[in-house]
Protein backbone atom coordinates (compact mmCIF):
# COMPACT_ATOMS: atom_id res chain seq x y z
CA MET A 1 0.05 -0.01 0.12
CA GLU A 2 1.51 3.24 -1.36
CA ILE A 3 1.71 6.33 1.20
CA ASP A 4 -1.26 8.73 1.86
CA PHE A 5 -0.09 11.76 -0.22
CA LYS A 6 -1.71 14.44 1.49
CA GLU A 7 -0.40 13.58 4.87
CA PHE A 8 2.71 12.90 3.81
CA SER A 9 3.02 16.21 2.82
CA ARG A 10 1.93 17.68 5.59
CA GLU A 11 4.22 15.97 7.86
CA ILE A 12 7.02 16.99 5.15
CA HIS A 13 5.80 20.98 5.40
CA ASN A 14 5.93 20.49 9.59
CA HIS A 15 9.88 20.42 8.80
CA PHE A 16 10.49 22.08 5.16
CA GLN A 17 8.01 24.84 5.26
CA ASP A 18 9.11 26.89 2.01
CA ILE A 19 8.76 23.67 0.10
CA GLU A 20 6.36 23.41 -2.51
CA ASP A 21 3.79 20.67 -3.04
CA LYS A 22 5.01 19.82 -6.53
CA ASP A 23 8.18 19.64 -5.44
CA ILE A 24 7.34 16.93 -2.87
CA LYS A 25 5.70 15.35 -5.68
CA ARG A 26 8.45 15.22 -8.05
CA LEU A 27 10.94 13.80 -5.68
CA TYR A 28 8.47 11.12 -4.75
CA GLU A 29 8.22 10.44 -8.18
CA LYS A 30 11.89 10.35 -8.73
CA ALA A 31 12.35 8.20 -5.36
CA HIS A 32 9.89 5.91 -6.57
CA GLN A 33 11.38 5.46 -9.74
CA GLU A 34 14.83 5.30 -8.09
CA VAL A 35 13.57 2.09 -5.80
CA PHE A 36 11.53 0.33 -8.57
CA ASN A 37 14.46 0.60 -11.43
CA ARG A 38 16.40 -0.87 -8.51
CA ILE A 39 13.89 -4.16 -8.43
CA ASN A 40 13.80 -4.69 -11.70
CA GLN A 41 17.66 -4.52 -12.21
CA LEU A 42 17.82 -6.96 -9.41
CA ALA A 43 14.75 -9.44 -9.87
CA LYS A 44 16.57 -9.68 -13.65
CA PHE A 45 20.06 -10.16 -12.10
CA GLU A 46 18.81 -12.76 -9.64
CA HIS A 47 16.08 -14.61 -11.64
CA ILE A 48 13.38 -13.79 -9.37
CA ASP A 49 10.00 -13.63 -10.90
CA LYS A 50 8.79 -10.25 -10.14
CA ASP A 51 5.29 -11.03 -9.05
CA LEU A 52 6.56 -12.78 -6.04
CA ILE A 53 7.94 -9.26 -4.91
CA PHE A 54 4.49 -7.32 -5.93
CA GLN A 55 2.53 -10.27 -4.24
CA ASP A 56 4.50 -9.80 -0.74
CA ALA A 57 2.68 -7.37 1.64
CA ARG A 58 5.72 -7.74 3.83
CA MET A 59 8.03 -6.93 0.92
CA MET A 60 6.32 -4.41 -0.26
CA ARG A 61 5.84 -2.73 2.89
CA GLU A 62 9.37 -2.53 3.18
CA ILE A 63 9.94 -1.41 -0.22
CA ASN A 64 7.12 1.85 0.52
CA ASP A 65 8.75 2.85 3.43
CA SER A 66 12.51 2.85 1.39
CA ILE A 67 10.43 5.30 -1.12
CA ARG A 68 8.78 7.36 1.49
CA ASN A 69 12.43 8.01 3.05
CA LEU A 70 14.35 8.40 0.08
CA THR A 71 12.04 11.03 -0.51
CA ILE A 72 12.92 13.01 1.83
CA SER A 73 16.48 12.59 1.41
CA TYR A 74 16.21 13.67 -1.72
CA ILE A 75 14.40 17.08 -0.13
CA GLN A 76 17.45 17.65 1.72
CA PHE A 77 19.79 17.26 -1.22
CA GLU A 78 17.77 19.91 -3.11
CA GLN A 79 18.12 22.17 -0.01
CA ASP A 80 21.61 21.92 0.74
CA GLN A 81 21.94 22.24 -2.89
CA HIS A 82 19.84 25.92 -3.37
CA GLN A 83 21.47 26.80 -0.10
CA PHE A 84 25.40 25.99 -0.69
CA ALA A 85 26.10 25.07 -4.77
CA ASP A 86 26.95 28.68 -5.75
CA VAL A 87 28.77 29.59 -2.66
CA TYR A 88 31.65 26.82 -3.13
CA GLN A 89 33.36 24.87 -5.70
CA ASN A 90 33.23 21.59 -4.35
CA ILE A 91 32.50 19.41 -1.15
CA PHE A 92 35.67 19.63 0.38
CA GLU A 93 35.68 23.64 0.11
CA PHE A 94 32.32 23.89 1.79
CA VAL A 95 33.48 21.26 4.76
CA GLU A 96 36.19 23.56 5.39
CA GLY A 97 34.55 26.83 4.74
CA GLU A 98 31.19 25.85 7.30
CA HIS A 99 34.26 24.86 9.66
CA LEU A 100 32.59 21.40 9.69
CA THR A 101 34.13 18.01 10.59
CA ASP A 102 34.59 14.70 8.31
CA VAL A 103 31.53 12.80 9.96
CA PHE A 104 29.76 15.22 7.04
CA PHE A 105 31.03 13.03 4.65
CA GLU A 106 29.12 10.15 6.78
CA GLN A 107 26.16 11.94 6.58
CA SER A 108 26.13 12.92 2.81
CA VAL A 109 25.03 9.70 1.50
CA THR A 110 21.69 10.73 0.18
CA GLU A 111 20.62 7.35 -1.47
CA GLY A 112 22.50 4.86 0.44
CA HIS A 113 23.24 1.54 -0.65
CA PRO A 114 24.11 1.94 -4.30
CA PHE A 115 21.60 -0.95 -5.76
CA HIS A 116 19.68 -2.12 -2.46
CA PRO A 117 15.68 -1.47 -3.33
CA MET A 118 15.09 -1.06 0.61
CA THR A 119 18.10 1.67 0.85
CA LYS A 120 16.50 3.78 3.25
CA THR A 121 13.69 1.59 4.98
CA LYS A 122 13.53 2.17 8.58
CA LEU A 123 10.47 0.41 9.42
CA GLY A 124 8.80 1.69 13.13
CA PHE A 125 10.38 5.55 12.01
CA GLU A 126 7.70 8.05 11.66
CA VAL A 127 8.62 10.77 9.32
CA CYS A 128 9.89 12.88 12.27
CA ASP A 129 11.79 9.93 13.53
CA VAL A 130 13.47 9.69 10.17
CA ILE A 131 14.35 13.61 9.77
CA ASN A 132 15.50 13.57 13.49
CA TYR A 133 17.76 10.16 13.53
CA SER A 134 19.15 9.93 10.21
CA PRO A 135 22.22 11.20 9.03
CA GLU A 136 21.56 13.01 5.98
CA PHE A 137 19.35 15.68 8.27
CA ARG A 138 22.57 16.28 10.45
CA ARG A 139 20.51 16.71 13.63
CA THR A 140 21.99 16.29 16.79
CA VAL A 141 20.52 13.00 18.54
CA LYS A 142 20.74 12.05 22.64
CA VAL A 143 22.39 9.09 24.06
CA ILE A 144 21.00 8.76 27.10
CA PRO A 145 23.53 6.88 29.90
CA VAL A 146 21.45 4.38 31.84
CA LEU A 147 22.50 3.07 35.19
CA CYS A 148 21.45 0.04 35.73
CA LYS A 149 21.68 -2.73 39.19
CA SER A 150 25.26 -4.27 38.85
CA ASP A 151 23.95 -8.01 38.36
CA LEU A 152 21.93 -6.93 35.20
CA VAL A 153 24.68 -5.61 33.11
CA GLN A 154 27.48 -7.21 31.86
CA ASP A 155 30.81 -5.08 30.98
CA VAL A 156 33.06 -5.37 28.10
CA LYS A 157 36.54 -3.92 27.73
CA LEU A 158 40.03 -4.27 26.21
CA ASN A 159 42.67 -4.70 28.62
CA ASN A 160 44.07 -1.45 29.86
CA THR A 161 41.36 0.45 28.78
CA ASP A 162 39.06 3.25 30.27
CA VAL A 163 37.97 5.30 27.26
CA LEU A 164 34.95 6.07 29.72
CA PHE A 165 37.29 7.36 32.91
CA ASN A 166 36.33 11.21 32.36
CA PHE A 167 32.52 10.68 31.79
CA THR A 168 32.23 8.12 34.96
CA GLN A 169 33.62 10.85 36.84
CA LYS A 170 30.69 13.26 35.47
CA VAL A 171 28.02 10.08 36.69
CA ALA A 172 30.47 9.85 40.26
CA HIS A 173 29.50 13.49 40.43
CA TYR A 174 25.73 13.40 39.94
CA CYS A 175 25.40 10.42 41.71
CA GLU A 176 26.49 11.90 44.84
CA ASN A 177 24.56 14.76 44.20
CA ASN A 178 21.37 12.80 44.03
CA ASP A 179 22.15 10.13 46.72
CA ILE A 180 22.87 7.36 44.40
CA GLU A 181 25.17 4.53 45.38
CA LEU A 182 27.23 4.34 41.79
CA ASP A 183 28.98 0.99 43.17
CA ASP A 184 25.50 -0.62 43.16
CA TYR A 185 25.38 0.14 39.25
CA LYS A 186 26.58 -0.21 35.77
CA LEU A 187 26.58 2.12 32.89
CA LEU A 188 24.66 1.41 29.13
CA PHE A 189 24.03 3.95 26.66
CA ILE A 190 21.09 4.08 24.89
CA HIS A 191 19.66 5.63 21.85
CA ASP A 192 17.18 8.17 22.61
CA TRP A 193 14.90 6.39 20.66
CA GLN A 194 15.25 3.01 22.05
CA LEU A 195 14.30 4.27 25.45
CA ASN A 196 11.22 5.60 24.96
CA HIS A 197 10.16 2.96 22.80
CA PHE A 198 11.66 -0.06 23.96
CA MET A 199 13.27 0.04 27.01
CA MET A 200 10.85 2.12 29.35
CA PRO A 201 7.75 0.09 27.88
CA ASN A 202 9.19 -3.52 28.83
CA TYR A 203 11.13 -2.40 31.74
CA ILE A 204 8.71 -0.17 33.71
CA ASN A 205 8.52 -2.10 36.81
CA LEU A 206 12.95 -2.06 37.03
CA ILE A 207 12.77 1.81 36.49
CA ASN A 208 9.99 2.46 39.02
CA ASP A 209 12.02 -0.05 41.43
CA GLN A 210 15.49 2.30 40.09
CA HIS A 211 16.91 -1.00 39.26
CA ILE A 212 17.21 1.08 36.05
CA LEU A 213 18.09 4.98 36.39
CA PRO A 214 17.81 6.95 33.06
CA LEU A 215 20.07 9.96 33.51
CA HIS A 216 18.87 11.85 30.99
CA GLU A 217 20.11 15.28 32.61
CA LEU A 218 23.59 13.90 31.58
CA ALA A 219 22.60 13.03 27.80
CA VAL A 220 25.33 12.88 25.42
CA GLU A 221 24.58 14.76 22.28
CA ALA A 222 26.17 12.82 19.23
CA ASN A 223 25.51 12.83 15.45
CA PRO A 224 24.27 9.91 13.36
CA LEU A 225 26.63 8.10 11.13
CA LEU A 226 26.19 6.39 8.09
CA SER A 227 24.72 3.98 9.88
CA PHE A 228 22.10 6.05 11.60
CA ARG A 229 22.68 3.98 14.89
CA THR A 230 25.94 4.88 14.79
CA LEU A 231 26.96 8.10 16.28
CA ASP A 232 29.69 10.63 16.89
CA ALA A 233 30.35 11.45 20.55
CA PRO A 234 32.59 14.13 21.02
CA GLU A 235 32.10 13.98 24.94
CA LEU A 236 33.07 10.36 25.01
CA ASN A 237 35.77 10.56 21.87
CA SER A 238 34.53 8.14 20.66
CA ILE A 239 31.92 6.71 18.51
CA ILE A 240 28.99 4.92 19.81
CA LYS A 241 27.20 2.04 18.41
CA THR A 242 23.34 1.56 19.91
CA ALA A 243 20.61 -0.67 19.73
CA VAL A 244 17.74 0.69 17.88
CA ASN A 245 14.94 -1.68 17.21
CA VAL A 246 14.00 -0.37 13.40
CA GLN A 247 14.31 -2.38 10.47
CA ALA A 248 16.82 -0.61 8.33
CA THR A 249 17.68 -2.07 4.60
CA SER A 250 17.39 -5.73 5.44
CA ALA A 251 18.08 -6.08 9.29
CA VAL A 252 16.75 -5.13 12.70
CA ARG A 253 19.60 -2.80 14.18
CA ASN A 254 20.82 -4.70 17.40
CA VAL A 255 24.02 -4.64 19.20
CA SER A 256 24.59 -8.62 19.95
CA PRO A 257 26.65 -9.54 22.92
CA ALA A 258 28.69 -11.85 20.44
CA SER A 259 29.03 -8.75 17.92
CA ILE A 260 30.38 -7.16 20.95
CA LYS A 261 32.86 -9.32 22.30
CA ASN A 262 34.12 -10.06 18.70
CA GLY A 263 34.44 -7.05 17.66
CA LEU A 264 37.02 -5.92 20.46
CA ALA A 265 39.15 -9.12 20.18
CA LEU A 266 39.24 -8.89 16.14
CA SER A 267 39.42 -5.22 15.81
CA SER A 268 42.30 -5.76 18.38
CA ALA A 269 44.17 -8.51 16.81
CA VAL A 270 43.82 -7.20 13.07
CA GLU A 271 45.12 -3.67 14.30
CA HIS A 272 48.46 -5.65 16.00
CA ILE A 273 48.71 -7.42 12.72
CA TYR A 274 49.10 -4.15 10.78
CA ARG A 275 51.24 -2.46 13.06
CA ASN A 276 53.68 -5.48 13.52
CA ASN A 277 53.81 -6.54 9.84
CA GLY A 278 54.50 -3.31 8.04
CA TYR A 279 50.91 -2.62 6.76
CA THR A 280 52.06 1.14 6.33
CA ASN A 281 48.35 2.41 5.03
CA SER A 282 46.14 -0.38 6.82
CA TYR A 283 44.31 0.68 10.05
CA ILE A 284 41.76 -0.40 11.87
CA GLN A 285 39.34 1.68 13.74
CA GLN A 286 38.93 -0.24 16.90
CA ASP A 287 36.30 -1.54 19.09
CA LEU A 288 37.09 -0.24 22.95
CA ALA A 289 34.42 -0.91 24.87
CA GLY A 290 30.59 -2.19 25.15
CA GLY A 291 27.93 -4.02 27.56
CA PHE A 292 24.61 -5.55 27.61
CA PHE A 293 21.52 -6.01 29.55
CA THR A 294 21.88 -9.89 31.09
CA ALA A 295 18.64 -9.68 32.71
CA ASP A 296 16.71 -10.62 30.04
CA LYS A 297 18.74 -12.68 27.53
CA GLU A 298 16.03 -12.51 25.14
CA ASN A 299 16.27 -9.10 24.34
CA ALA A 300 20.13 -8.43 25.64
CA ASN A 301 20.82 -7.14 21.86
CA LYS A 302 18.23 -4.58 22.40
CA CYS A 303 20.10 -2.76 25.41
CA SER A 304 23.38 -2.63 24.38
CA TYR A 305 25.95 -0.53 23.13
CA MET A 306 29.63 -0.86 22.01
CA LEU A 307 32.30 2.04 21.82
CA ARG A 308 34.46 2.67 18.76
CA GLY A 309 37.51 4.81 18.19
CA ARG A 310 37.59 7.84 16.28
CA ILE A 311 40.14 8.08 13.39
CA PRO A 312 42.40 10.82 13.94
CA GLN A 313 42.29 14.11 11.94
CA GLU A 314 45.86 14.65 9.75
CA PRO A 315 46.23 18.22 8.92
CA GLY A 316 45.53 18.87 4.79
CA SER A 317 43.59 15.30 4.74
CA HIS A 318 39.99 14.58 5.10
CA ASN A 319 38.33 11.15 6.33
CA ILE A 320 36.16 10.00 3.96
CA VAL A 321 33.51 6.87 4.16
CA CYS A 322 34.06 4.98 1.25
CA ALA A 323 29.99 5.07 0.14
CA SER A 324 30.18 9.21 0.27
CA LEU A 325 32.92 8.90 -2.55
CA ILE A 326 29.84 7.36 -4.90
CA THR A 327 26.95 9.88 -4.21
CA LYS A 328 26.45 12.59 -5.68
CA SER A 329 28.22 16.19 -3.95
CA PHE A 330 25.21 19.19 -3.74
CA ILE A 331 27.72 21.35 -4.78
CA THR A 332 28.59 20.17 -8.02
CA ASP A 333 25.94 17.84 -8.57
CA LYS A 334 29.06 15.24 -9.21
CA PRO A 335 30.34 11.73 -7.36
CA VAL A 336 32.70 13.00 -4.57
CA VAL A 337 35.71 11.14 -6.30
CA ILE A 338 34.90 12.87 -9.39
CA GLU A 339 35.65 15.88 -7.22
CA CYS A 340 38.87 14.04 -5.90
CA ILE A 341 39.92 13.24 -9.42
CA GLU A 342 39.83 16.91 -10.32
CA THR A 343 41.58 17.95 -7.43
CA ILE A 344 44.32 15.85 -8.77
CA MET A 345 44.19 17.13 -12.00
CA GLN A 346 44.26 20.86 -10.56
CA LYS A 347 47.09 19.85 -8.22
CA GLN A 348 49.42 17.66 -10.80
CA SER A 349 48.35 19.10 -14.36
CA LEU A 350 47.12 15.79 -15.43
CA ASN A 351 44.49 14.93 -17.65
CA PHE A 352 41.33 13.08 -16.51
CA GLU A 353 42.48 9.60 -17.72
CA GLU A 354 45.75 10.02 -16.28
CA ALA A 355 44.62 11.37 -12.85
CA THR A 356 41.34 8.75 -12.57
CA SER A 357 44.38 6.13 -13.11
CA LEU A 358 46.41 7.56 -10.52
CA PHE A 359 43.71 7.70 -7.79
CA LEU A 360 42.34 4.39 -8.83
CA THR A 361 46.24 2.64 -8.64
CA GLN A 362 46.77 4.43 -5.27
CA TYR A 363 43.38 3.23 -4.25
CA THR A 364 43.35 -0.53 -5.09
CA ASN A 365 46.86 -0.87 -3.69
CA ILE A 366 46.03 0.76 -0.07
CA LEU A 367 42.52 -1.70 -0.19
CA LEU A 368 43.77 -4.75 -1.19
CA GLU A 369 47.33 -4.45 1.40
CA SER A 370 44.00 -4.28 4.16
CA THR A 371 42.60 -6.91 2.67
CA TYR A 372 44.09 -9.40 0.20
CA ARG A 373 47.50 -9.32 2.04
CA LEU A 374 45.47 -9.85 5.54
CA MET A 375 43.52 -12.60 3.90
CA LEU A 376 46.65 -14.89 2.31
CA GLU A 377 48.95 -14.23 4.90
CA GLU A 378 46.61 -14.61 8.06
CA GLY A 379 43.50 -16.17 6.71
CA ILE A 380 41.45 -13.36 8.13
CA SER A 381 38.87 -11.99 5.48
CA LEU A 382 37.47 -8.43 6.46
CA GLU A 383 34.27 -7.14 5.05
CA ALA A 384 35.71 -4.26 3.95
CA HIS A 385 32.88 -3.01 1.59
CA MET A 386 32.11 0.88 1.06
CA GLN A 387 30.21 1.37 4.23
CA ASN A 388 32.79 -0.52 6.00
CA SER A 389 35.87 1.65 5.01
CA THR A 390 37.07 4.98 5.31
CA MET A 391 39.98 6.59 2.94
CA VAL A 392 41.81 9.44 4.24
CA ILE A 393 42.22 11.42 0.95
CA LYS A 394 44.85 14.17 0.66
CA ASP A 395 44.76 16.55 -2.08
CA GLY A 396 42.47 14.29 -4.04
CA LEU A 397 44.88 11.18 -3.72
CA PRO A 398 44.01 8.13 -1.23
CA ILE A 399 46.73 8.05 1.75
CA ALA A 400 45.38 5.58 4.17
CA ILE A 401 42.10 3.42 5.14
CA TYR A 402 40.45 2.36 8.23
CA VAL A 403 38.68 -0.89 8.49
CA ARG A 404 35.47 -0.96 10.71
CA ASP A 405 32.87 -3.48 11.56
CA PHE A 406 34.20 -7.44 11.96
CA GLY A 407 30.54 -8.76 12.08
CA GLY A 408 30.97 -10.41 8.53
CA VAL A 409 34.30 -11.35 8.84
CA ARG A 410 35.83 -15.03 8.04
CA LEU A 411 38.75 -16.75 10.00
CA PHE A 412 40.68 -19.36 8.42
CA GLU A 413 42.74 -21.91 11.18
CA SER A 414 42.85 -18.59 13.41
CA ASP A 415 43.43 -18.73 16.97
CA ILE A 416 41.74 -15.29 17.99
CA ASN A 417 39.44 -16.26 20.79
CA ILE A 418 35.96 -15.08 19.52
CA ASP A 419 32.51 -16.10 20.00
CA ASP A 420 31.96 -18.24 17.30
CA SER A 421 28.63 -18.34 17.95
CA THR A 422 27.83 -16.40 14.25
CA GLY A 423 30.01 -18.59 12.44
CA LEU A 424 32.99 -16.46 11.94
CA HIS A 425 35.38 -19.50 11.91
CA THR A 426 36.05 -21.33 8.54
CA ASN A 427 37.28 -24.38 6.99
CA GLU A 428 37.36 -23.45 3.77
CA PHE A 429 39.35 -21.08 1.70
CA GLN A 430 36.34 -20.46 -0.44
CA ASP A 431 34.23 -18.66 2.54
CA LEU A 432 37.36 -16.19 3.11
CA LEU A 433 37.59 -15.42 -0.74
CA SER A 434 33.45 -15.20 -1.03
CA VAL A 435 33.87 -12.38 1.73
CA PHE A 436 36.84 -10.80 -0.10
CA SER A 437 34.94 -10.85 -3.58
CA HIS A 438 31.65 -9.90 -2.87
CA ALA A 439 32.54 -6.72 -0.13
CA VAL A 440 36.20 -5.59 -1.56
CA LEU A 441 35.47 -6.62 -5.33
CA TYR A 442 31.81 -6.22 -6.28
CA ASN A 443 30.92 -4.09 -3.43
CA HIS A 444 33.67 -1.93 -3.48
CA LEU A 445 36.30 -1.79 -5.97
CA PHE A 446 33.48 -2.78 -9.10
CA GLN A 447 31.40 -0.30 -7.72
CA LEU A 448 34.08 2.57 -7.79
CA ILE A 449 34.67 1.61 -11.60
CA ARG A 450 31.16 2.15 -12.30
CA VAL A 451 30.80 5.83 -11.47
CA LEU A 452 34.32 5.96 -13.17
CA GLU A 453 33.07 4.72 -16.45
CA SER A 454 29.84 6.71 -16.46
CA HIS A 455 32.18 9.82 -16.28
CA HIS A 456 34.15 8.07 -19.36
CA PHE A 457 36.95 6.20 -17.90
CA ASN A 458 37.95 3.07 -20.00
CA ALA A 459 36.55 0.36 -17.59
CA SER A 460 38.80 -1.91 -18.91
CA THR A 461 41.85 -0.05 -17.73
CA GLY A 462 40.42 0.11 -14.27
CA TYR A 463 39.98 -3.97 -13.92
CA HIS A 464 43.58 -4.09 -15.50
CA ILE A 465 45.04 -2.02 -12.38
CA ILE A 466 42.72 -4.27 -9.82
CA ARG A 467 44.35 -7.66 -11.79
CA GLU A 468 48.03 -6.01 -11.30
CA ALA A 469 47.28 -5.06 -8.21
CA ILE A 470 46.65 -8.41 -6.96
CA LEU A 471 48.78 -10.40 -9.24
CA SER A 472 51.57 -8.32 -7.17
CA TYR A 473 50.95 -10.65 -4.10
CA HIS A 474 50.70 -13.91 -6.25
CA LYS A 475 54.36 -13.06 -6.30
CA SER A 476 54.84 -14.20 -2.56
CA TYR A 477 51.74 -15.87 -2.11
CA THR A 478 50.19 -18.98 -4.21
CA PRO A 479 45.80 -18.90 -2.97
CA GLU A 480 44.37 -22.07 -2.84
CA ILE A 481 42.21 -20.35 -5.26
CA ASP A 482 43.29 -17.87 -7.93
CA ILE A 483 40.72 -15.46 -7.86
CA LEU A 484 41.78 -14.14 -11.40
CA SER A 485 41.62 -17.56 -12.93
CA GLU A 486 37.72 -18.08 -11.58
CA PRO A 487 35.63 -16.91 -14.49
CA THR A 488 32.80 -16.49 -12.19
CA PHE A 489 32.22 -15.53 -8.60
CA LYS A 490 29.27 -15.72 -6.11
CA ILE A 491 28.07 -12.39 -4.67
CA LYS A 492 25.19 -12.16 -2.41
CA SER A 493 21.36 -12.12 -3.59
CA LEU A 494 19.79 -9.11 -1.75
CA LEU A 495 16.20 -9.70 -2.74
CA LYS A 496 16.47 -13.58 -2.52
CA MET A 497 17.55 -12.81 0.93
CA ARG A 498 14.38 -10.84 1.46
CA ILE A 499 11.87 -13.02 -0.32
CA TYR A 500 13.17 -16.42 0.53
CA ALA A 501 15.34 -16.34 3.61
CA GLU A 502 14.23 -13.38 5.89
CA GLY A 503 17.19 -11.78 5.55
CA TYR A 504 19.46 -13.98 7.52
CA ASP A 505 20.50 -16.85 5.48
CA TYR A 506 22.58 -16.08 2.50
CA GLN A 507 21.30 -16.31 -1.00
CA TYR A 508 23.64 -16.20 -4.10
CA THR A 509 24.30 -15.14 -7.51
CA GLU A 510 26.51 -15.91 -9.59
CA ILE A 511 28.58 -13.12 -11.96
CA ASN A 512 30.76 -12.88 -14.25
CA ASN A 513 34.25 -12.26 -12.94
CA PRO A 514 35.74 -8.70 -15.17
CA LEU A 515 39.04 -9.74 -13.60
CA TYR A 516 38.91 -13.13 -15.35
CA THR A 517 38.01 -11.52 -18.29
CA GLU A 518 40.92 -9.28 -18.34
CA ALA A 519 43.15 -11.88 -18.16
CA LYS A 520 41.74 -13.25 -21.77
């Protein structure tokens, strides 16, 4: 069932007073077309009967929610374009001129996932929630510190890490002034929406009995990042990943106890490998601490959080989440990666083809050092797609990468101590290669080439650059399966995963391998 357009327009006018109904309708039609183009493309690609989609009430609810929310994102994009496009030359000049941090790039991915039809689905959010909590609207979000009786919470943290020391001192001062015995409690950080819509309704008796104490007066102001429930919290000098009981894209965004424990263990282990084995341009955005509710094990993943380190800011550089590189800048209406290349052209007096080849060569070498080399040397395959990777860019050129999020990694003969209930260990090299080919090749480098090709860069040149970078590792390592010798490989089937398996079991589609084609 599609939205009530009259009611939708009324809600939009509550937040964007100057917009005209004809523009709301125009952008809604644009979002509708974009989402249905994605459905048509994926249905053909994954060999799905489209009637299965259109007759599935659950799927259509998700799709219509995505269209509604994408419309609002388009509205924000045009508002920014009208305000700033004539003021600045490119998005980097905008960020610097408006004195913004690089959090902006996390908040600039207007269309979200590049080809998922449910790219903007947030089931459970009203229009006001979408605008208040989604990153592209750049609102400040409150994360509520919640004191819970000590036997109701389990803490997890890295050895010798006390990232919360300063904030804990602030809490201690508050407790002293309010006759609260802090030693009886442990601290959780709960997203404002989650506190109001999940924790308070479900645990009101514990709250009334003061076994749970939300500290609204000490709310932490934070900025939502690409994944809206993950936020930059300057007061904590950390990124905070919260649980929000809302389905975004294909999954409800919880934070499981296993993911907290594994995130800390794996991010520490891989960063140790990088620093001690000559990975000169590779870094991990490390997970540092977390906690979860233990009184209700079924919902432990809904009352939980994890703290992640922030990426240091180097003078003259920008930390750009890779997904933003293929989204349009509202300054030039070109993808951000093209603005990077134009910067290189200007700085180094190169033509477009030369600057693009230089950019892609350095980008590929940095990304493959952090992923392909790690897989061959250590049997660890990172899910370094564009949403999980941040490239440090200076004068238009990539100089380093930070990888985050360890929920989808695969480990082969690894002795890292993790909770394997999520199935991260494997005895098959093919499983490592599948994560690499899906996340790093198809959902990262190939997406970059797709955008560059649309601006008249020769795609075969791009695939040649990737092939040469992979071959450079084969001089030292002989992989059990050579991706360059595989005519096809499998990628996750995004629609099949929603239709047939509730989004949790992997369904795959086999695609032609352009690196193999290049070899021939």
